[in-house]
Amino acid sequence: MEIPVIIAIGVAVFLGGAGGLMTPIGPWYHNLKKPSLQPPNWLFGPAWSIILGLAAWSAITAWYAADTRPEQARVICLFSTNAVCHFLWSPLFFRAQRPDWALVEVVFLWVSLVLLVTLLWPISPFASALVMPYLAWVSFAAWLNSAIVKLNRPFG
């Protein structure tokens, strides 16, 4: 297995594992008022596993489709930025118990995904398309986050 494949899979596994560890579903979370469209808790693990798997596939596809070093650097920058934004949301929402801060952060995560979809397209339309479920899920998650903030404020 080549290094870019190992890195992409490793980052996806790390983000999935870290997200799971940073997402304690305890009394604080259970006591939050949630919108009626809130999915069941069991759905989040499989959804994120699929989404992060598609993101890893996208990163690998984009890396190998990049014709130049600057394009490869763009791929690395885009996915690295997204990984940082992805990593930050759960600790803000669950560990800090600040859905309001997480709502601000999810904007950065969403923008990182729009940039991935947009800027990967010239390199590989397929890699760009692989990110679209991630963008759709984060768009929905942002709405859920917003609804939770509205139903439960103030925080802190």
C-alpha atoms as a PDB file:
ATOM      1  CA  MET A   1       0.000   0.000   0.000  1.00  0.00           C
ATOM      2  CA  GLU A   2       1.349   3.424  -0.931  1.00  0.00           C
ATOM      3  CA  ILE A   3       1.976   6.242   1.542  1.00  0.00           C
ATOM      4  CA  PRO A   4      -0.886   8.562   0.371  1.00  0.00           C
ATOM      5  CA  VAL A   5      -3.368   5.711   0.812  1.00  0.00           C
ATOM      6  CA  ILE A   6      -2.046   4.879   4.288  1.00  0.00           C
ATOM      7  CA  ILE A   7      -2.188   8.543   5.328  1.00  0.00           C
ATOM      8  CA  ALA A   8      -5.731   9.088   4.016  1.00  0.00           C
ATOM      9  CA  ILE A   9      -7.045   5.947   5.704  1.00  0.00           C
ATOM     10  CA  GLY A  10      -5.121   6.738   8.898  1.00  0.00           C
ATOM     11  CA  VAL A  11      -6.549  10.252   9.100  1.00  0.00           C
ATOM     12  CA  ALA A  12     -10.089   8.961   8.507  1.00  0.00           C
ATOM     13  CA  VAL A  13      -9.698   6.335  11.235  1.00  0.00           C
ATOM     14  CA  PHE A  14      -8.146   8.888  13.589  1.00  0.00           C
ATOM     15  CA  LEU A  15     -10.945  11.410  13.012  1.00  0.00           C
ATOM     16  CA  GLY A  16     -13.615   8.745  13.467  1.00  0.00           C
ATOM     17  CA  GLY A  17     -12.021   7.419  16.644  1.00  0.00           C
ATOM     18  CA  ALA A  18     -11.304  10.849  18.097  1.00  0.00           C
ATOM     19  CA  GLY A  19     -14.820  11.985  17.265  1.00  0.00           C
ATOM     20  CA  GLY A  20     -16.234   8.966  19.058  1.00  0.00           C
ATOM     21  CA  LEU A  21     -14.047   9.558  22.110  1.00  0.00           C
ATOM     22  CA  MET A  22     -14.996  13.234  22.190  1.00  0.00           C
ATOM     23  CA  THR A  23     -18.730  12.475  22.044  1.00  0.00           C
ATOM     24  CA  PRO A  24     -19.894  11.332  25.459  1.00  0.00           C
ATOM     25  CA  ILE A  25     -23.638  10.700  25.336  1.00  0.00           C
ATOM     26  CA  GLY A  26     -24.393  11.327  28.992  1.00  0.00           C
ATOM     27  CA  PRO A  27     -26.971  13.111  31.107  1.00  0.00           C
ATOM     28  CA  TRP A  28     -26.083  16.584  29.821  1.00  0.00           C
ATOM     29  CA  TYR A  29     -26.736  15.549  26.219  1.00  0.00           C
ATOM     30  CA  HIS A  30     -29.836  13.494  27.051  1.00  0.00           C
ATOM     31  CA  ASN A  31     -31.351  16.489  28.870  1.00  0.00           C
ATOM     32  CA  LEU A  32     -30.961  18.838  25.891  1.00  0.00           C
ATOM     33  CA  LYS A  33     -34.131  19.687  24.014  1.00  0.00           C
ATOM     34  CA  LYS A  34     -33.691  18.436  20.446  1.00  0.00           C
ATOM     35  CA  PRO A  35     -35.620  19.076  17.241  1.00  0.00           C
ATOM     36  CA  SER A  36     -38.072  16.456  16.033  1.00  0.00           C
ATOM     37  CA  LEU A  37     -35.809  15.622  13.067  1.00  0.00           C
ATOM     38  CA  GLN A  38     -32.953  14.568  15.364  1.00  0.00           C
ATOM     39  CA  PRO A  39     -31.723  11.156  14.133  1.00  0.00           C
ATOM     40  CA  PRO A  40     -31.342   8.332  16.666  1.00  0.00           C
ATOM     41  CA  ASN A  41     -27.965   8.247  18.398  1.00  0.00           C
ATOM     42  CA  TRP A  42     -27.047   4.877  16.843  1.00  0.00           C
ATOM     43  CA  LEU A  43     -27.114   6.416  13.344  1.00  0.00           C
ATOM     44  CA  PHE A  44     -24.212   8.821  13.889  1.00  0.00           C
ATOM     45  CA  GLY A  45     -21.450   6.199  14.112  1.00  0.00           C
ATOM     46  CA  PRO A  46     -22.302   4.435  10.844  1.00  0.00           C
ATOM     47  CA  ALA A  47     -22.989   7.752   9.088  1.00  0.00           C
ATOM     48  CA  TRP A  48     -19.627   9.203  10.071  1.00  0.00           C
ATOM     49  CA  SER A  49     -17.833   5.963   9.166  1.00  0.00           C
ATOM     50  CA  ILE A  50     -19.265   6.084   5.655  1.00  0.00           C
ATOM     51  CA  ILE A  51     -18.643   9.819   5.277  1.00  0.00           C
ATOM     52  CA  LEU A  52     -15.038   9.627   6.480  1.00  0.00           C
ATOM     53  CA  GLY A  53     -14.433   6.596   4.260  1.00  0.00           C
ATOM     54  CA  LEU A  54     -15.701   8.564   1.263  1.00  0.00           C
ATOM     55  CA  ALA A  55     -13.502  11.506   2.282  1.00  0.00           C
ATOM     56  CA  ALA A  56     -10.441   9.247   2.412  1.00  0.00           C
ATOM     57  CA  TRP A  57     -11.336   7.849  -1.010  1.00  0.00           C
ATOM     58  CA  SER A  58     -11.717  11.421  -2.265  1.00  0.00           C
ATOM     59  CA  ALA A  59      -8.315  12.428  -0.884  1.00  0.00           C
ATOM     60  CA  ILE A  60      -6.629   9.430  -2.496  1.00  0.00           C
ATOM     61  CA  THR A  61      -8.398  10.040  -5.806  1.00  0.00           C
ATOM     62  CA  ALA A  62      -7.563  13.751  -5.811  1.00  0.00           C
ATOM     63  CA  TRP A  63      -3.932  13.113  -4.873  1.00  0.00           C
ATOM     64  CA  TYR A  64      -3.387  10.743  -7.757  1.00  0.00           C
ATOM     65  CA  ALA A  65      -5.360  12.947 -10.174  1.00  0.00           C
ATOM     66  CA  ALA A  66      -3.287  16.026  -9.327  1.00  0.00           C
ATOM     67  CA  ASP A  67      -0.959  16.704 -12.251  1.00  0.00           C
ATOM     68  CA  THR A  68       1.418  19.116 -10.520  1.00  0.00           C
ATOM     69  CA  ARG A  69       3.052  19.680  -7.146  1.00  0.00           C
ATOM     70  CA  PRO A  70       0.930  22.833  -6.584  1.00  0.00           C
ATOM     71  CA  GLU A  71      -2.238  20.773  -7.186  1.00  0.00           C
ATOM     72  CA  GLN A  72      -0.997  18.127  -4.748  1.00  0.00           C
ATOM     73  CA  ALA A  73      -0.231  20.877  -2.229  1.00  0.00           C
ATOM     74  CA  ARG A  74      -3.793  22.188  -2.704  1.00  0.00           C
ATOM     75  CA  VAL A  75      -5.195  18.716  -2.027  1.00  0.00           C
ATOM     76  CA  ILE A  76      -3.146  18.415   1.168  1.00  0.00           C
ATOM     77  CA  CYS A  77      -4.090  21.918   2.315  1.00  0.00           C
ATOM     78  CA  LEU A  78      -7.797  21.411   1.653  1.00  0.00           C
ATOM     79  CA  PHE A  79      -8.007  18.069   3.421  1.00  0.00           C
ATOM     80  CA  SER A  80      -5.788  19.196   6.319  1.00  0.00           C
ATOM     81  CA  THR A  81      -7.955  22.262   6.895  1.00  0.00           C
ATOM     82  CA  ASN A  82     -11.056  20.103   6.795  1.00  0.00           C
ATOM     83  CA  ALA A  83      -9.541  17.589   9.236  1.00  0.00           C
ATOM     84  CA  VAL A  84      -8.794  20.340  11.766  1.00  0.00           C
ATOM     85  CA  CYS A  85     -12.303  21.780  11.419  1.00  0.00           C
ATOM     86  CA  HIS A  86     -13.810  18.291  11.692  1.00  0.00           C
ATOM     87  CA  PHE A  87     -11.769  17.487  14.792  1.00  0.00           C
ATOM     88  CA  LEU A  88     -12.764  20.663  16.674  1.00  0.00           C
ATOM     89  CA  TRP A  89     -16.544  20.335  16.597  1.00  0.00           C
ATOM     90  CA  SER A  90     -17.130  17.433  19.021  1.00  0.00           C
ATOM     91  CA  PRO A  91     -14.946  18.768  21.853  1.00  0.00           C
ATOM     92  CA  LEU A  92     -16.731  22.118  21.649  1.00  0.00           C
ATOM     93  CA  PHE A  93     -20.224  20.647  21.585  1.00  0.00           C
ATOM     94  CA  PHE A  94     -19.825  17.669  23.929  1.00  0.00           C
ATOM     95  CA  ARG A  95     -16.741  18.151  26.127  1.00  0.00           C
ATOM     96  CA  ALA A  96     -17.079  21.913  26.627  1.00  0.00           C
ATOM     97  CA  GLN A  97     -20.882  21.540  26.519  1.00  0.00           C
ATOM     98  CA  ARG A  98     -21.058  24.613  24.309  1.00  0.00           C
ATOM     99  CA  PRO A  99     -23.355  24.010  21.354  1.00  0.00           C
ATOM    100  CA  ASP A 100     -23.225  27.765  20.740  1.00  0.00           C
ATOM    101  CA  TRP A 101     -19.458  27.660  20.189  1.00  0.00           C
ATOM    102  CA  ALA A 102     -19.838  24.508  18.098  1.00  0.00           C
ATOM    103  CA  LEU A 103     -22.372  26.371  15.941  1.00  0.00           C
ATOM    104  CA  VAL A 104     -19.740  28.997  15.162  1.00  0.00           C
ATOM    105  CA  GLU A 105     -17.169  26.287  14.455  1.00  0.00           C
ATOM    106  CA  VAL A 106     -19.495  24.295  12.179  1.00  0.00           C
ATOM    107  CA  VAL A 107     -19.512  27.271   9.810  1.00  0.00           C
ATOM    108  CA  PHE A 108     -15.762  26.769   9.310  1.00  0.00           C
ATOM    109  CA  LEU A 109     -16.283  23.026   8.805  1.00  0.00           C
ATOM    110  CA  TRP A 110     -19.013  23.729   6.246  1.00  0.00           C
ATOM    111  CA  VAL A 111     -16.835  26.264   4.395  1.00  0.00           C
ATOM    112  CA  SER A 112     -13.959  23.755   4.330  1.00  0.00           C
ATOM    113  CA  LEU A 113     -16.300  21.287   2.628  1.00  0.00           C
ATOM    114  CA  VAL A 114     -17.579  23.823   0.094  1.00  0.00           C
ATOM    115  CA  LEU A 115     -13.945  24.599  -0.727  1.00  0.00           C
ATOM    116  CA  LEU A 116     -13.180  20.886  -1.096  1.00  0.00           C
ATOM    117  CA  VAL A 117     -16.096  20.340  -3.469  1.00  0.00           C
ATOM    118  CA  THR A 118     -15.308  23.480  -5.472  1.00  0.00           C
ATOM    119  CA  LEU A 119     -11.521  23.299  -5.638  1.00  0.00           C
ATOM    120  CA  LEU A 120     -11.261  19.543  -6.173  1.00  0.00           C
ATOM    121  CA  TRP A 121     -13.610  19.677  -9.166  1.00  0.00           C
ATOM    122  CA  PRO A 122     -10.932  20.868 -11.653  1.00  0.00           C
ATOM    123  CA  ILE A 123      -8.533  18.208 -10.352  1.00  0.00           C
ATOM    124  CA  SER A 124     -11.056  15.353 -10.203  1.00  0.00           C
ATOM    125  CA  PRO A 125     -14.830  15.690 -10.508  1.00  0.00           C
ATOM    126  CA  PHE A 126     -15.142  12.220  -8.975  1.00  0.00           C
ATOM    127  CA  ALA A 127     -13.108  13.228  -5.893  1.00  0.00           C
ATOM    128  CA  SER A 128     -15.287  16.311  -5.583  1.00  0.00           C
ATOM    129  CA  ALA A 129     -18.458  14.225  -5.813  1.00  0.00           C
ATOM    130  CA  LEU A 130     -17.228  11.895  -3.066  1.00  0.00           C
ATOM    131  CA  VAL A 131     -17.236  14.867  -0.667  1.00  0.00           C
ATOM    132  CA  MET A 132     -20.838  15.862  -1.423  1.00  0.00           C
ATOM    133  CA  PRO A 133     -22.454  13.435   1.087  1.00  0.00           C
ATOM    134  CA  TYR A 134     -20.144  14.880   3.758  1.00  0.00           C
ATOM    135  CA  LEU A 135     -21.266  18.401   2.817  1.00  0.00           C
ATOM    136  CA  ALA A 136     -24.922  17.343   2.906  1.00  0.00           C
ATOM    137  CA  TRP A 137     -24.528  15.672   6.322  1.00  0.00           C
ATOM    138  CA  VAL A 138     -22.685  18.656   7.814  1.00  0.00           C
ATOM    139  CA  SER A 139     -25.348  20.985   6.402  1.00  0.00           C
ATOM    140  CA  PHE A 140     -27.982  18.919   8.222  1.00  0.00           C
ATOM    141  CA  ALA A 141     -25.795  18.709  11.348  1.00  0.00           C
ATOM    142  CA  ALA A 142     -25.403  22.505  11.308  1.00  0.00           C
ATOM    143  CA  TRP A 143     -29.180  22.855  11.222  1.00  0.00           C
ATOM    144  CA  LEU A 144     -29.474  20.403  14.139  1.00  0.00           C
ATOM    145  CA  ASN A 145     -26.794  22.316  16.043  1.00  0.00           C
ATOM    146  CA  SER A 146     -28.638  25.586  15.408  1.00  0.00           C
ATOM    147  CA  ALA A 147     -31.947  24.104  16.556  1.00  0.00           C
ATOM    148  CA  ILE A 148     -30.341  22.769  19.742  1.00  0.00           C
ATOM    149  CA  VAL A 149     -28.863  26.199  20.472  1.00  0.00           C
ATOM    150  CA  LYS A 150     -32.252  27.883  19.952  1.00  0.00           C
ATOM    151  CA  LEU A 151     -34.101  25.327  22.075  1.00  0.00           C
ATOM    152  CA  ASN A 152     -31.609  25.356  24.972  1.00  0.00           C
ATOM    153  CA  ARG A 153     -29.933  28.750  25.273  1.00  0.00           C
ATOM    154  CA  PRO A 154     -28.291  30.318  27.111  1.00  0.00           C
ATOM    155  CA  PHE A 155     -25.113  28.277  27.560  1.00  0.00           C
ATOM    156  CA  GLY A 156     -22.156  28.915  29.831  1.00  0.00           C
END
